[in-house]
PDB file of N, CA and C in Angstrom:
ATOM      1  N   VAL A   1      -3.847  12.815  10.407  1.00  0.00           N
ATOM      2  CA  VAL A   1      -2.721  12.295   9.941  1.00  0.00           C
ATOM      3  C   VAL A   1      -2.427  12.593   8.476  1.00  0.00           C
ATOM      4  N   GLN A   2      -1.376  12.737   8.082  1.00  0.00           N
ATOM      5  CA  GLN A   2      -1.179  13.134   6.466  1.00  0.00           C
ATOM      6  C   GLN A   2      -0.020  11.784   6.284  1.00  0.00           C
ATOM      7  N   LEU A   3      -0.272  11.305   5.090  1.00  0.00           N
ATOM      8  CA  LEU A   3       0.614  10.179   4.656  1.00  0.00           C
ATOM      9  C   LEU A   3       1.203  10.439   3.260  1.00  0.00           C
ATOM     10  N   GLN A   4       2.485   9.912   3.173  1.00  0.00           N
ATOM     11  CA  GLN A   4       3.075  10.124   1.947  1.00  0.00           C
ATOM     12  C   GLN A   4       3.805   8.668   1.432  1.00  0.00           C
ATOM     13  N   ALA A   5       3.422   8.415   0.425  1.00  0.00           N
ATOM     14  CA  ALA A   5       4.075   7.231  -0.225  1.00  0.00           C
ATOM     15  C   ALA A   5       5.318   7.333  -1.129  1.00  0.00           C
ATOM     16  N   SER A   6       6.100   6.512  -0.974  1.00  0.00           N
ATOM     17  CA  SER A   6       7.310   6.603  -1.808  1.00  0.00           C
ATOM     18  C   SER A   6       7.967   5.184  -2.231  1.00  0.00           C
ATOM     19  N   GLY A   7       8.887   5.156  -2.987  1.00  0.00           N
ATOM     20  CA  GLY A   7       9.561   3.863  -3.317  1.00  0.00           C
ATOM     21  C   GLY A   7       9.233   3.379  -4.733  1.00  0.00           C
ATOM     22  N   GLY A   8       8.342   4.123  -5.508  1.00  0.00           N
ATOM     23  CA  GLY A   8       7.957   3.561  -6.803  1.00  0.00           C
ATOM     24  C   GLY A   8       9.071   3.956  -7.954  1.00  0.00           C
ATOM     25  N   GLY A   9       8.887   3.492  -8.933  1.00  0.00           N
ATOM     26  CA  GLY A   9       9.828   3.588 -10.154  1.00  0.00           C
ATOM     27  C   GLY A   9       9.689   2.725 -11.201  1.00  0.00           C
ATOM     28  N   LEU A  10      10.764   2.482 -11.894  1.00  0.00           N
ATOM     29  CA  LEU A  10      10.938   1.553 -13.038  1.00  0.00           C
ATOM     30  C   LEU A  10      11.360   0.093 -12.565  1.00  0.00           C
ATOM     31  N   VAL A  11      10.668  -0.809 -12.768  1.00  0.00           N
ATOM     32  CA  VAL A  11      11.136  -2.234 -12.213  1.00  0.00           C
ATOM     33  C   VAL A  11      10.913  -3.325 -13.169  1.00  0.00           C
ATOM     34  N   GLN A  12      11.870  -4.224 -13.317  1.00  0.00           N
ATOM     35  CA  GLN A  12      11.815  -5.391 -14.222  1.00  0.00           C
ATOM     36  C   GLN A  12      10.910  -6.376 -13.701  1.00  0.00           C
ATOM     37  N   ALA A  13      10.141  -6.915 -14.545  1.00  0.00           N
ATOM     38  CA  ALA A  13       9.341  -8.048 -14.155  1.00  0.00           C
ATOM     39  C   ALA A  13      10.219  -9.089 -13.347  1.00  0.00           C
ATOM     40  N   GLY A  14       9.607  -9.558 -12.286  1.00  0.00           N
ATOM     41  CA  GLY A  14      10.156 -10.394 -11.338  1.00  0.00           C
ATOM     42  C   GLY A  14      10.981  -9.712 -10.170  1.00  0.00           C
ATOM     43  N   GLY A  15      10.943  -8.323 -10.196  1.00  0.00           N
ATOM     44  CA  GLY A  15      11.627  -7.649  -9.108  1.00  0.00           C
ATOM     45  C   GLY A  15      10.918  -7.596  -7.952  1.00  0.00           C
ATOM     46  N   SER A  16      11.624  -6.908  -6.989  1.00  0.00           N
ATOM     47  CA  SER A  16      11.090  -6.906  -5.608  1.00  0.00           C
ATOM     48  C   SER A  16      11.304  -5.569  -4.823  1.00  0.00           C
ATOM     49  N   PRO A  17      10.538  -4.525  -5.404  1.00  0.00           N
ATOM     50  CA  PRO A  17      10.699  -3.162  -4.678  1.00  0.00           C
ATOM     51  C   PRO A  17       9.794  -3.122  -3.331  1.00  0.00           C
ATOM     52  N   ARG A  18      10.302  -2.133  -2.724  1.00  0.00           N
ATOM     53  CA  ARG A  18       9.522  -2.019  -1.333  1.00  0.00           C
ATOM     54  C   ARG A  18       8.790  -0.652  -1.202  1.00  0.00           C
ATOM     55  N   LEU A  19       7.712  -0.298  -1.141  1.00  0.00           N
ATOM     56  CA  LEU A  19       7.009   0.753  -0.974  1.00  0.00           C
ATOM     57  C   LEU A  19       6.971   1.355   0.398  1.00  0.00           C
ATOM     58  N   SER A  20       7.013   2.464   0.813  1.00  0.00           N
ATOM     59  CA  SER A  20       6.791   3.056   2.157  1.00  0.00           C
ATOM     60  C   SER A  20       5.928   4.058   2.269  1.00  0.00           C
ATOM     61  N   CYS A  21       5.048   4.076   3.234  1.00  0.00           N
ATOM     62  CA  CYS A  21       3.951   5.235   3.508  1.00  0.00           C
ATOM     63  C   CYS A  21       4.429   5.652   4.991  1.00  0.00           C
ATOM     64  N   VAL A  22       4.843   6.957   4.763  1.00  0.00           N
ATOM     65  CA  VAL A  22       5.164   7.592   6.290  1.00  0.00           C
ATOM     66  C   VAL A  22       4.111   8.473   6.494  1.00  0.00           C
ATOM     67  N   ALA A  23       3.674   8.485   7.963  1.00  0.00           N
ATOM     68  CA  ALA A  23       2.700   9.492   8.339  1.00  0.00           C
ATOM     69  C   ALA A  23       3.302  10.518   9.298  1.00  0.00           C
ATOM     70  N   SER A  24       2.746  11.427   9.136  1.00  0.00           N
ATOM     71  CA  SER A  24       3.020  12.741  10.080  1.00  0.00           C
ATOM     72  C   SER A  24       1.917  12.869  10.930  1.00  0.00           C
ATOM     73  N   GLY A  25       2.041  13.408  12.224  1.00  0.00           N
ATOM     74  CA  GLY A  25       0.995  13.488  13.004  1.00  0.00           C
ATOM     75  C   GLY A  25       1.116  12.646  14.099  1.00  0.00           C
ATOM     76  N   ARG A  26       0.274  12.803  14.976  1.00  0.00           N
ATOM     77  CA  ARG A  26       0.233  11.765  16.274  1.00  0.00           C
ATOM     78  C   ARG A  26      -0.804  10.623  16.212  1.00  0.00           C
ATOM     79  N   ALA A  27      -0.514   9.671  16.936  1.00  0.00           N
ATOM     80  CA  ALA A  27      -1.278   8.433  16.993  1.00  0.00           C
ATOM     81  C   ALA A  27      -1.644   7.616  15.900  1.00  0.00           C
ATOM     82  N   PHE A  28      -0.242   7.534  15.161  1.00  0.00           N
ATOM     83  CA  PHE A  28      -0.348   6.657  13.988  1.00  0.00           C
ATOM     84  C   PHE A  28      -0.926   5.251  14.338  1.00  0.00           C
ATOM     85  N   SER A  29      -0.427   4.791  15.521  1.00  0.00           N
ATOM     86  CA  SER A  29      -0.910   3.506  15.591  1.00  0.00           C
ATOM     87  C   SER A  29      -2.536   3.239  15.990  1.00  0.00           C
ATOM     88  N   SER A  30      -3.264   4.426  16.052  1.00  0.00           N
ATOM     89  CA  SER A  30      -4.721   4.394  16.016  1.00  0.00           C
ATOM     90  C   SER A  30      -5.185   4.157  14.701  1.00  0.00           C
ATOM     91  N   TYR A  31      -4.492   4.190  13.808  1.00  0.00           N
ATOM     92  CA  TYR A  31      -5.048   3.897  12.206  1.00  0.00           C
ATOM     93  C   TYR A  31      -4.713   2.469  11.671  1.00  0.00           C
ATOM     94  N   ALA A  32      -5.749   1.996  11.007  1.00  0.00           N
ATOM     95  CA  ALA A  32      -5.528   0.619  10.152  1.00  0.00           C
ATOM     96  C   ALA A  32      -4.919   1.528   8.854  1.00  0.00           C
ATOM     97  N   VAL A  33      -4.077   0.913   7.971  1.00  0.00           N
ATOM     98  CA  VAL A  33      -3.731   1.280   6.755  1.00  0.00           C
ATOM     99  C   VAL A  33      -3.902   0.376   5.690  1.00  0.00           C
ATOM    100  N   GLY A  34      -4.328   0.913   4.483  1.00  0.00           N
ATOM    101  CA  GLY A  34      -4.575  -0.004   3.266  1.00  0.00           C
ATOM    102  C   GLY A  34      -3.715   0.553   2.214  1.00  0.00           C
ATOM    103  N   TRP A  35      -3.233  -0.377   1.321  1.00  0.00           N
ATOM    104  CA  TRP A  35      -2.725   0.243   0.086  1.00  0.00           C
ATOM    105  C   TRP A  35      -3.657  -0.338  -1.040  1.00  0.00           C
ATOM    106  N   PHE A  36      -3.810   0.776  -1.947  1.00  0.00           N
ATOM    107  CA  PHE A  36      -4.810   0.676  -3.180  1.00  0.00           C
ATOM    108  C   PHE A  36      -3.804   0.870  -4.317  1.00  0.00           C
ATOM    109  N   ARG A  37      -4.380   0.510  -5.592  1.00  0.00           N
ATOM    110  CA  ARG A  37      -3.547   1.017  -6.617  1.00  0.00           C
ATOM    111  C   ARG A  37      -4.652   1.137  -7.717  1.00  0.00           C
ATOM    112  N   GLN A  38      -3.934   2.069  -8.714  1.00  0.00           N
ATOM    113  CA  GLN A  38      -4.961   2.452  -9.855  1.00  0.00           C
ATOM    114  C   GLN A  38      -4.049   2.310 -11.034  1.00  0.00           C
ATOM    115  N   ALA A  39      -4.433   1.228 -11.878  1.00  0.00           N
ATOM    116  CA  ALA A  39      -3.672   0.956 -13.341  1.00  0.00           C
ATOM    117  C   ALA A  39      -4.281   2.063 -14.309  1.00  0.00           C
ATOM    118  N   PRO A  40      -3.515   2.283 -15.541  1.00  0.00           N
ATOM    119  CA  PRO A  40      -3.936   3.137 -16.341  1.00  0.00           C
ATOM    120  C   PRO A  40      -5.361   2.658 -17.003  1.00  0.00           C
ATOM    121  N   GLY A  41      -6.371   3.443 -17.013  1.00  0.00           N
ATOM    122  CA  GLY A  41      -7.615   3.135 -17.514  1.00  0.00           C
ATOM    123  C   GLY A  41      -8.467   2.247 -16.641  1.00  0.00           C
ATOM    124  N   LYS A  42      -8.039   2.093 -15.543  1.00  0.00           N
ATOM    125  CA  LYS A  42      -8.930   1.174 -14.515  1.00  0.00           C
ATOM    126  C   LYS A  42      -9.208   1.957 -13.322  1.00  0.00           C
ATOM    127  N   GLU A  43     -10.217   1.287 -12.623  1.00  0.00           N
ATOM    128  CA  GLU A  43     -10.683   2.003 -11.447  1.00  0.00           C
ATOM    129  C   GLU A  43      -9.470   1.416 -10.309  1.00  0.00           C
ATOM    130  N   ARG A  44      -9.686   2.368  -9.214  1.00  0.00           N
ATOM    131  CA  ARG A  44      -8.821   2.057  -8.094  1.00  0.00           C
ATOM    132  C   ARG A  44      -9.233   0.797  -7.423  1.00  0.00           C
ATOM    133  N   GLU A  45      -8.144  -0.067  -6.937  1.00  0.00           N
ATOM    134  CA  GLU A  45      -8.651  -1.163  -6.346  1.00  0.00           C
ATOM    135  C   GLU A  45      -7.749  -1.476  -4.957  1.00  0.00           C
ATOM    136  N   PHE A  46      -8.509  -2.218  -4.054  1.00  0.00           N
ATOM    137  CA  PHE A  46      -7.685  -2.556  -2.819  1.00  0.00           C
ATOM    138  C   PHE A  46      -6.594  -3.639  -3.108  1.00  0.00           C
ATOM    139  N   VAL A  47      -5.517  -3.300  -2.542  1.00  0.00           N
ATOM    140  CA  VAL A  47      -4.138  -4.354  -2.714  1.00  0.00           C
ATOM    141  C   VAL A  47      -4.063  -5.187  -1.441  1.00  0.00           C
ATOM    142  N   VAL A  48      -3.733  -4.371  -0.326  1.00  0.00           N
ATOM    143  CA  VAL A  48      -3.416  -5.066   1.104  1.00  0.00           C
ATOM    144  C   VAL A  48      -3.839  -4.067   1.980  1.00  0.00           C
ATOM    145  N   GLY A  49      -3.914  -4.474   3.212  1.00  0.00           N
ATOM    146  CA  GLY A  49      -4.352  -3.598   4.456  1.00  0.00           C
ATOM    147  C   GLY A  49      -3.697  -4.441   5.786  1.00  0.00           C
ATOM    148  N   ILE A  50      -3.631  -3.505   6.772  1.00  0.00           N
ATOM    149  CA  ILE A  50      -3.044  -4.087   8.031  1.00  0.00           C
ATOM    150  C   ILE A  50      -3.666  -3.172   9.186  1.00  0.00           C
ATOM    151  N   SER A  51      -4.024  -4.012  10.093  1.00  0.00           N
ATOM    152  CA  SER A  51      -4.659  -3.494  11.447  1.00  0.00           C
ATOM    153  C   SER A  51      -3.723  -2.501  11.997  1.00  0.00           C
ATOM    154  N   ARG A  52      -4.246  -1.828  13.074  1.00  0.00           N
ATOM    155  CA  ARG A  52      -3.583  -0.775  13.785  1.00  0.00           C
ATOM    156  C   ARG A  52      -2.315  -1.409  14.398  1.00  0.00           C
ATOM    157  N   SER A  53      -2.481  -2.566  15.068  1.00  0.00           N
ATOM    158  CA  SER A  53      -1.321  -3.156  15.691  1.00  0.00           C
ATOM    159  C   SER A  53      -0.424  -3.849  14.747  1.00  0.00           C
ATOM    160  N   GLY A  54      -1.062  -4.027  13.609  1.00  0.00           N
ATOM    161  CA  GLY A  54      -0.133  -4.936  12.663  1.00  0.00           C
ATOM    162  C   GLY A  54      -0.210  -6.543  12.875  1.00  0.00           C
ATOM    163  N   GLY A  55      -1.135  -6.761  13.754  1.00  0.00           N
ATOM    164  CA  GLY A  55      -1.147  -8.086  13.984  1.00  0.00           C
ATOM    165  C   GLY A  55      -2.276  -9.058  12.962  1.00  0.00           C
ATOM    166  N   SER A  56      -2.985  -8.075  12.273  1.00  0.00           N
ATOM    167  CA  SER A  56      -3.782  -8.662  11.144  1.00  0.00           C
ATOM    168  C   SER A  56      -3.469  -7.957   9.733  1.00  0.00           C
ATOM    169  N   THR A  57      -3.373  -8.749   8.728  1.00  0.00           N
ATOM    170  CA  THR A  57      -3.215  -8.373   7.427  1.00  0.00           C
ATOM    171  C   THR A  57      -4.276  -9.002   6.474  1.00  0.00           C
ATOM    172  N   TYR A  58      -4.458  -8.276   5.276  1.00  0.00           N
ATOM    173  CA  TYR A  58      -5.445  -8.657   4.458  1.00  0.00           C
ATOM    174  C   TYR A  58      -4.837  -8.389   2.995  1.00  0.00           C
ATOM    175  N   ASN A  59      -5.060  -9.403   2.026  1.00  0.00           N
ATOM    176  CA  ASN A  59      -4.480  -9.202   0.877  1.00  0.00           C
ATOM    177  C   ASN A  59      -5.522  -9.578  -0.203  1.00  0.00           C
ATOM    178  N   SER A  60      -5.546  -8.866  -1.385  1.00  0.00           N
ATOM    179  CA  SER A  60      -6.295  -9.194  -2.509  1.00  0.00           C
ATOM    180  C   SER A  60      -6.002 -10.426  -3.233  1.00  0.00           C
ATOM    181  N   ASP A  61      -6.771 -11.095  -3.883  1.00  0.00           N
ATOM    182  CA  ASP A  61      -6.359 -12.475  -4.414  1.00  0.00           C
ATOM    183  C   ASP A  61      -5.261 -12.147  -5.501  1.00  0.00           C
ATOM    184  N   SER A  62      -5.085 -11.029  -5.988  1.00  0.00           N
ATOM    185  CA  SER A  62      -4.312 -10.771  -7.281  1.00  0.00           C
ATOM    186  C   SER A  62      -2.835 -10.613  -6.601  1.00  0.00           C
ATOM    187  N   VAL A  63      -2.656 -10.232  -5.442  1.00  0.00           N
ATOM    188  CA  VAL A  63      -1.383 -10.289  -4.830  1.00  0.00           C
ATOM    189  C   VAL A  63      -1.080 -11.303  -3.839  1.00  0.00           C
ATOM    190  N   LYS A  64      -2.016 -11.943  -3.616  1.00  0.00           N
ATOM    191  CA  LYS A  64      -1.661 -12.897  -2.249  1.00  0.00           C
ATOM    192  C   LYS A  64      -0.477 -14.055  -2.839  1.00  0.00           C
ATOM    193  N   GLY A  65       0.431 -13.944  -1.752  1.00  0.00           N
ATOM    194  CA  GLY A  65       1.602 -14.811  -1.749  1.00  0.00           C
ATOM    195  C   GLY A  65       2.882 -13.887  -2.583  1.00  0.00           C
ATOM    196  N   ARG A  66       2.440 -12.808  -3.046  1.00  0.00           N
ATOM    197  CA  ARG A  66       3.539 -11.913  -3.520  1.00  0.00           C
ATOM    198  C   ARG A  66       3.696 -10.652  -2.849  1.00  0.00           C
ATOM    199  N   PHE A  67       2.751 -10.071  -2.464  1.00  0.00           N
ATOM    200  CA  PHE A  67       2.845  -8.806  -1.656  1.00  0.00           C
ATOM    201  C   PHE A  67       2.731  -9.057  -0.185  1.00  0.00           C
ATOM    202  N   THR A  68       3.410  -8.186   0.633  1.00  0.00           N
ATOM    203  CA  THR A  68       3.406  -8.194   2.219  1.00  0.00           C
ATOM    204  C   THR A  68       3.484  -7.035   2.650  1.00  0.00           C
ATOM    205  N   ILE A  69       2.451  -6.728   3.609  1.00  0.00           N
ATOM    206  CA  ILE A  69       2.338  -5.347   4.225  1.00  0.00           C
ATOM    207  C   ILE A  69       2.731  -5.446   5.684  1.00  0.00           C
ATOM    208  N   SER A  70       3.521  -4.483   6.128  1.00  0.00           N
ATOM    209  CA  SER A  70       3.941  -4.513   7.490  1.00  0.00           C
ATOM    210  C   SER A  70       3.975  -2.988   8.031  1.00  0.00           C
ATOM    211  N   ARG A  71       4.155  -2.812   9.393  1.00  0.00           N
ATOM    212  CA  ARG A  71       4.188  -1.641   9.906  1.00  0.00           C
ATOM    213  C   ARG A  71       5.203  -1.395  10.940  1.00  0.00           C
ATOM    214  N   ASP A  72       5.677  -0.257  11.190  1.00  0.00           N
ATOM    215  CA  ASP A  72       6.748  -0.078  12.250  1.00  0.00           C
ATOM    216  C   ASP A  72       5.976   1.326  12.909  1.00  0.00           C
ATOM    217  N   ASN A  73       5.269   1.186  13.973  1.00  0.00           N
ATOM    218  CA  ASN A  73       4.712   2.183  14.651  1.00  0.00           C
ATOM    219  C   ASN A  73       5.489   3.353  15.255  1.00  0.00           C
ATOM    220  N   ALA A  74       6.762   2.725  15.684  1.00  0.00           N
ATOM    221  CA  ALA A  74       7.700   3.529  16.147  1.00  0.00           C
ATOM    222  C   ALA A  74       8.316   4.531  15.162  1.00  0.00           C
ATOM    223  N   LYS A  75       8.265   4.020  13.870  1.00  0.00           N
ATOM    224  CA  LYS A  75       8.734   5.022  12.802  1.00  0.00           C
ATOM    225  C   LYS A  75       7.558   5.664  11.984  1.00  0.00           C
ATOM    226  N   ASN A  76       6.323   5.455  12.516  1.00  0.00           N
ATOM    227  CA  ASN A  76       5.038   6.013  11.775  1.00  0.00           C
ATOM    228  C   ASN A  76       5.141   5.528  10.154  1.00  0.00           C
ATOM    229  N   THR A  77       5.449   4.283   9.851  1.00  0.00           N
ATOM    230  CA  THR A  77       5.669   3.874   8.580  1.00  0.00           C
ATOM    231  C   THR A  77       5.159   2.631   8.419  1.00  0.00           C
ATOM    232  N   VAL A  78       4.391   2.398   7.273  1.00  0.00           N
ATOM    233  CA  VAL A  78       3.868   1.148   6.803  1.00  0.00           C
ATOM    234  C   VAL A  78       4.617   0.669   5.547  1.00  0.00           C
ATOM    235  N   TYR A  79       4.880  -0.451   5.404  1.00  0.00           N
ATOM    236  CA  TYR A  79       5.621  -0.897   4.160  1.00  0.00           C
ATOM    237  C   TYR A  79       4.939  -1.845   3.219  1.00  0.00           C
ATOM    238  N   LEU A  80       5.039  -1.834   2.042  1.00  0.00           N
ATOM    239  CA  LEU A  80       4.601  -2.723   0.988  1.00  0.00           C
ATOM    240  C   LEU A  80       5.661  -3.265   0.508  1.00  0.00           C
ATOM    241  N   GLN A  81       6.090  -4.810   0.689  1.00  0.00           N
ATOM    242  CA  GLN A  81       7.091  -5.379  -0.035  1.00  0.00           C
ATOM    243  C   GLN A  81       6.296  -6.187  -1.033  1.00  0.00           C
ATOM    244  N   MET A  82       6.733  -5.957  -2.322  1.00  0.00           N
ATOM    245  CA  MET A  82       6.432  -6.491  -3.589  1.00  0.00           C
ATOM    246  C   MET A  82       7.234  -7.461  -4.238  1.00  0.00           C
ATOM    247  N   ASN A  83       6.942  -8.625  -4.357  1.00  0.00           N
ATOM    248  CA  ASN A  83       7.751  -9.791  -4.983  1.00  0.00           C
ATOM    249  C   ASN A  83       7.097 -10.239  -6.225  1.00  0.00           C
ATOM    250  N   SER A  84       8.092 -10.818  -6.983  1.00  0.00           N
ATOM    251  CA  SER A  84       7.523 -11.302  -8.219  1.00  0.00           C
ATOM    252  C   SER A  84       6.730 -10.565  -9.218  1.00  0.00           C
ATOM    253  N   LEU A  85       7.216  -9.275  -9.218  1.00  0.00           N
ATOM    254  CA  LEU A  85       6.205  -8.456  -9.915  1.00  0.00           C
ATOM    255  C   LEU A  85       5.961  -8.724 -11.284  1.00  0.00           C
ATOM    256  N   LYS A  86       4.762  -8.317 -11.995  1.00  0.00           N
ATOM    257  CA  LYS A  86       4.267  -8.658 -13.089  1.00  0.00           C
ATOM    258  C   LYS A  86       3.884  -7.275 -13.842  1.00  0.00           C
ATOM    259  N   PRO A  87       3.861  -7.426 -15.248  1.00  0.00           N
ATOM    260  CA  PRO A  87       3.563  -5.993 -15.916  1.00  0.00           C
ATOM    261  C   PRO A  87       2.121  -5.611 -15.397  1.00  0.00           C
ATOM    262  N   GLU A  88       1.262  -6.489 -15.082  1.00  0.00           N
ATOM    263  CA  GLU A  88      -0.102  -5.959 -14.638  1.00  0.00           C
ATOM    264  C   GLU A  88      -0.009  -5.516 -13.291  1.00  0.00           C
ATOM    265  N   ASP A  89       1.071  -5.305 -12.683  1.00  0.00           N
ATOM    266  CA  ASP A  89       1.002  -4.734 -11.480  1.00  0.00           C
ATOM    267  C   ASP A  89       1.406  -3.354 -11.715  1.00  0.00           C
ATOM    268  N   THR A  90       1.510  -2.790 -12.819  1.00  0.00           N
ATOM    269  CA  THR A  90       1.817  -1.394 -12.950  1.00  0.00           C
ATOM    270  C   THR A  90       0.697  -0.488 -12.728  1.00  0.00           C
ATOM    271  N   ALA A  91       0.943   0.543 -11.752  1.00  0.00           N
ATOM    272  CA  ALA A  91      -0.058   1.209 -11.353  1.00  0.00           C
ATOM    273  C   ALA A  91       0.487   2.401 -10.328  1.00  0.00           C
ATOM    274  N   VAL A  92      -0.344   3.279 -10.259  1.00  0.00           N
ATOM    275  CA  VAL A  92      -0.054   4.419  -9.099  1.00  0.00           C
ATOM    276  C   VAL A  92      -0.560   3.681  -7.786  1.00  0.00           C
ATOM    277  N   TYR A  93       0.289   3.755  -6.868  1.00  0.00           N
ATOM    278  CA  TYR A  93      -0.110   2.891  -5.668  1.00  0.00           C
ATOM    279  C   TYR A  93      -0.137   4.027  -4.673  1.00  0.00           C
ATOM    280  N   TYR A  94      -1.308   3.974  -3.719  1.00  0.00           N
ATOM    281  CA  TYR A  94      -1.688   4.719  -2.705  1.00  0.00           C
ATOM    282  C   TYR A  94      -1.759   4.253  -1.268  1.00  0.00           C
ATOM    283  N   CYS A  95      -1.653   4.867  -0.425  1.00  0.00           N
ATOM    284  CA  CYS A  95      -1.792   4.432   1.034  1.00  0.00           C
ATOM    285  C   CYS A  95      -2.909   5.365   1.627  1.00  0.00           C
ATOM    286  N   ALA A  96      -3.496   4.614   2.575  1.00  0.00           N
ATOM    287  CA  ALA A  96      -4.634   5.272   3.138  1.00  0.00           C
ATOM    288  C   ALA A  96      -4.867   4.885   4.560  1.00  0.00           C
ATOM    289  N   ALA A  97      -5.348   5.875   5.439  1.00  0.00           N
ATOM    290  CA  ALA A  97      -5.521   5.585   6.925  1.00  0.00           C
ATOM    291  C   ALA A  97      -7.120   5.481   7.112  1.00  0.00           C
ATOM    292  N   GLY A  98      -7.423   4.536   7.912  1.00  0.00           N
ATOM    293  CA  GLY A  98      -8.850   4.421   8.288  1.00  0.00           C
ATOM    294  C   GLY A  98      -8.783   3.758   9.609  1.00  0.00           C
ATOM    295  N   VAL A  99     -10.079   3.341  10.202  1.00  0.00           N
ATOM    296  CA  VAL A  99     -10.182   2.557  11.271  1.00  0.00           C
ATOM    297  C   VAL A  99     -10.019   1.152  11.192  1.00  0.00           C
ATOM    298  N   VAL A 100     -10.610   0.544  10.182  1.00  0.00           N
ATOM    299  CA  VAL A 100     -10.236  -0.811  10.063  1.00  0.00           C
ATOM    300  C   VAL A 100      -9.571  -1.056   8.503  1.00  0.00           C
ATOM    301  N   PRO A 101      -8.944  -2.079   8.413  1.00  0.00           N
ATOM    302  CA  PRO A 101      -8.290  -2.506   7.200  1.00  0.00           C
ATOM    303  C   PRO A 101      -9.206  -2.997   6.217  1.00  0.00           C
ATOM    304  N   SER A 102     -10.044  -2.125   5.875  1.00  0.00           N
ATOM    305  CA  SER A 102     -11.193  -2.462   4.750  1.00  0.00           C
ATOM    306  C   SER A 102     -10.678  -2.560   3.336  1.00  0.00           C
ATOM    307  N   THR A 103     -11.594  -3.252   2.651  1.00  0.00           N
ATOM    308  CA  THR A 103     -11.197  -3.207   0.911  1.00  0.00           C
ATOM    309  C   THR A 103     -11.964  -2.285   0.308  1.00  0.00           C
ATOM    310  N   ARG A 104     -12.762  -1.511   1.365  1.00  0.00           N
ATOM    311  CA  ARG A 104     -13.576  -0.280   0.530  1.00  0.00           C
ATOM    312  C   ARG A 104     -12.996   1.013   0.729  1.00  0.00           C
ATOM    313  N   GLU A 105     -12.892   1.843  -0.407  1.00  0.00           N
ATOM    314  CA  GLU A 105     -12.260   2.949  -0.315  1.00  0.00           C
ATOM    315  C   GLU A 105     -12.991   4.079   0.526  1.00  0.00           C
ATOM    316  N   TYR A 106     -14.204   3.918   0.716  1.00  0.00           N
ATOM    317  CA  TYR A 106     -14.985   4.952   1.551  1.00  0.00           C
ATOM    318  C   TYR A 106     -14.685   4.877   3.035  1.00  0.00           C
ATOM    319  N   GLU A 107     -14.278   3.718   3.378  1.00  0.00           N
ATOM    320  CA  GLU A 107     -13.903   3.629   4.844  1.00  0.00           C
ATOM    321  C   GLU A 107     -12.437   4.105   5.148  1.00  0.00           C
ATOM    322  N   TYR A 108     -11.903   4.726   4.187  1.00  0.00           N
ATOM    323  CA  TYR A 108     -10.466   5.493   4.636  1.00  0.00           C
ATOM    324  C   TYR A 108     -10.733   6.986   4.492  1.00  0.00           C
ATOM    325  N   TYR A 109     -10.037   7.763   5.461  1.00  0.00           N
ATOM    326  CA  TYR A 109     -10.475   9.207   5.324  1.00  0.00           C
ATOM    327  C   TYR A 109      -9.213   9.919   5.142  1.00  0.00           C
ATOM    328  N   ASN A 110      -7.928   9.315   5.135  1.00  0.00           N
ATOM    329  CA  ASN A 110      -6.844  10.071   4.780  1.00  0.00           C
ATOM    330  C   ASN A 110      -6.061   9.458   3.717  1.00  0.00           C
ATOM    331  N   TRP A 111      -5.742  10.036   2.609  1.00  0.00           N
ATOM    332  CA  TRP A 111      -5.123   9.460   1.656  1.00  0.00           C
ATOM    333  C   TRP A 111      -3.782  10.200   1.168  1.00  0.00           C
ATOM    334  N   GLY A 112      -2.808   9.458   1.115  1.00  0.00           N
ATOM    335  CA  GLY A 112      -1.494  10.045   0.483  1.00  0.00           C
ATOM    336  C   GLY A 112      -1.366  10.196  -1.002  1.00  0.00           C
ATOM    337  N   ARG A 113      -0.639  11.080  -1.341  1.00  0.00           N
ATOM    338  CA  ARG A 113      -0.328  11.016  -2.921  1.00  0.00           C
ATOM    339  C   ARG A 113       0.249   9.721  -3.298  1.00  0.00           C
ATOM    340  N   GLY A 114      -0.044   9.256  -4.258  1.00  0.00           N
ATOM    341  CA  GLY A 114       0.348   8.051  -4.892  1.00  0.00           C
ATOM    342  C   GLY A 114       1.792   7.995  -5.261  1.00  0.00           C
ATOM    343  N   THR A 115       2.380   6.962  -5.534  1.00  0.00           N
ATOM    344  CA  THR A 115       3.678   6.580  -6.078  1.00  0.00           C
ATOM    345  C   THR A 115       3.623   5.644  -7.296  1.00  0.00           C
ATOM    346  N   LEU A 116       4.208   5.932  -8.332  1.00  0.00           N
ATOM    347  CA  LEU A 116       4.031   5.123  -9.451  1.00  0.00           C
ATOM    348  C   LEU A 116       4.868   4.052  -9.651  1.00  0.00           C
ATOM    349  N   VAL A 117       4.304   2.834  -9.857  1.00  0.00           N
ATOM    350  CA  VAL A 117       5.174   1.581 -10.079  1.00  0.00           C
ATOM    351  C   VAL A 117       5.115   1.201 -11.518  1.00  0.00           C
ATOM    352  N   THR A 118       5.989   1.056 -12.353  1.00  0.00           N
ATOM    353  CA  THR A 118       6.032   0.702 -13.640  1.00  0.00           C
ATOM    354  C   THR A 118       6.893  -0.653 -13.836  1.00  0.00           C
ATOM    355  N   VAL A 119       6.191  -1.697 -14.243  1.00  0.00           N
ATOM    356  CA  VAL A 119       6.847  -3.062 -14.277  1.00  0.00           C
ATOM    357  C   VAL A 119       7.058  -3.328 -15.963  1.00  0.00           C
ATOM    358  N   SER A 120       8.362  -3.307 -16.338  1.00  0.00           N
ATOM    359  CA  SER A 120       8.666  -3.778 -17.611  1.00  0.00           C
ATOM    360  C   SER A 120       8.871  -5.204 -17.914  1.00  0.00           C
ATOM    361  N   SER A 121       8.315  -5.778 -18.882  1.00  0.00           N
ATOM    362  CA  SER A 121       8.579  -7.231 -19.297  1.00  0.00           C
ATOM    363  C   SER A 121       9.714  -7.346 -19.966  1.00  0.00           C
TER     364      SER A 121
END
């Protein structure tokens, strides 16, 4: 499966953009999906993950209560709804496919090209 993230851009603090991750290929519903992000000068970190059916989601503490992940398997798409954005949320956001919605990068084997989200104060 190939993934493509989109929806990034320049956003004001407090804004609520939605990122999309569209998959090509078959059996998208067979994959868990995670969103990761990499801020300038920092290592890539786990943000949120969702199970294959969408029945289970996992959030990092840094975005809990602000970011929501969802998926529409009929559209081969996973969404990341971002609310109450802060300048420290500025990063390149990546989506990735794996077997389980792990927090560990190495458990994902398909990565999309990232989309940059810049939050201005």
